[in-house]
C-alpha atoms as a PDB file:
ATOM      1  CA  MET A   1       0.000   0.000   0.000  1.00  0.00           C
ATOM      2  CA  GLU A   2       1.359   3.394  -0.979  1.00  0.00           C
ATOM      3  CA  LYS A   3       1.865   5.878   1.863  1.00  0.00           C
ATOM      4  CA  ARG A   4       0.367   9.270   1.152  1.00  0.00           C
ATOM      5  CA  LYS A   5       1.789  12.465   2.550  1.00  0.00           C
ATOM      6  CA  LYS A   6      -0.833  14.363   4.526  1.00  0.00           C
ATOM      7  CA  GLU A   7      -1.506  17.636   2.773  1.00  0.00           C
ATOM      8  CA  GLU A   8      -2.981  20.655   4.494  1.00  0.00           C
ATOM      9  CA  PRO A   9      -5.832  22.473   2.725  1.00  0.00           C
ATOM     10  CA  THR A  10      -4.647  25.571   0.888  1.00  0.00           C
ATOM     11  CA  VAL A  11      -6.142  28.519  -0.953  1.00  0.00           C
ATOM     12  CA  ALA A  12      -4.263  30.419  -3.623  1.00  0.00           C
ATOM     13  CA  PRO A  13      -3.146  33.928  -2.595  1.00  0.00           C
ATOM     14  CA  GLY A  14      -5.467  36.622  -3.899  1.00  0.00           C
ATOM     15  CA  MET A  15      -8.325  34.220  -4.448  1.00  0.00           C
ATOM     16  CA  ASP A  16     -11.765  35.535  -3.480  1.00  0.00           C
ATOM     17  CA  ASP A  17     -12.320  32.738  -0.989  1.00  0.00           C
ATOM     18  CA  TYR A  18     -16.047  32.952  -0.476  1.00  0.00           C
ATOM     19  CA  GLU A  19     -17.027  33.394  -4.127  1.00  0.00           C
ATOM     20  CA  GLN A  20     -14.705  30.658  -5.408  1.00  0.00           C
ATOM     21  CA  LEU A  21     -15.493  28.110  -2.709  1.00  0.00           C
ATOM     22  CA  LYS A  22     -19.269  28.355  -3.048  1.00  0.00           C
ATOM     23  CA  LYS A  23     -19.208  27.584  -6.797  1.00  0.00           C
ATOM     24  CA  ASP A  24     -20.367  24.096  -7.737  1.00  0.00           C
ATOM     25  CA  ALA A  25     -18.094  21.845  -9.774  1.00  0.00           C
ATOM     26  CA  THR A  26     -19.092  21.326 -13.397  1.00  0.00           C
ATOM     27  CA  GLU A  27     -20.064  17.887 -14.699  1.00  0.00           C
ATOM     28  CA  GLU A  28     -16.801  17.864 -16.697  1.00  0.00           C
ATOM     29  CA  ASP A  29     -14.700  18.658 -13.608  1.00  0.00           C
ATOM     30  CA  ILE A  30     -16.409  15.879 -11.656  1.00  0.00           C
ATOM     31  CA  LYS A  31     -15.871  13.343 -14.475  1.00  0.00           C
ATOM     32  CA  LYS A  32     -12.164  14.267 -14.654  1.00  0.00           C
ATOM     33  CA  GLY A  33     -11.840  13.976 -10.870  1.00  0.00           C
ATOM     34  CA  ASP A  34     -10.924  17.666 -10.735  1.00  0.00           C
ATOM     35  CA  SER A  35     -13.189  18.594  -7.843  1.00  0.00           C
ATOM     36  CA  THR A  36     -13.187  18.416  -4.074  1.00  0.00           C
ATOM     37  CA  THR A  37     -15.671  18.606  -1.244  1.00  0.00           C
ATOM     38  CA  VAL A  38     -15.631  21.935   0.589  1.00  0.00           C
ATOM     39  CA  THR A  39     -16.714  22.274   4.200  1.00  0.00           C
ATOM     40  CA  ARG A  40     -17.139  25.741   5.675  1.00  0.00           C
ATOM     41  CA  LEU A  41     -17.042  26.410   9.376  1.00  0.00           C
ATOM     42  CA  SER A  42     -18.647  29.579  10.626  1.00  0.00           C
ATOM     43  CA  LEU A  43     -18.108  30.617  14.230  1.00  0.00           C
ATOM     44  CA  ASP A  44     -21.048  32.406  15.752  1.00  0.00           C
ATOM     45  CA  GLU A  45     -19.493  34.144  18.737  1.00  0.00           C
ATOM     46  CA  VAL A  46     -21.875  35.305  21.407  1.00  0.00           C
ATOM     47  CA  ASP A  47     -20.749  37.478  24.305  1.00  0.00           C
ATOM     48  CA  PRO A  48     -21.532  35.399  27.422  1.00  0.00           C
ATOM     49  CA  SER A  49     -21.984  38.468  29.630  1.00  0.00           C
END
């Protein structure tokens, strides 16, 4: 079994994160395997006082 190096998620510098990450992959991208699942975490901070 081939060992895979763990890669950290990255975003290209200057990329408009929100706009680019919310776009759906095209059928062609999915067929070529050129897509990935994106999970967004949003912290909703509430002042406890």
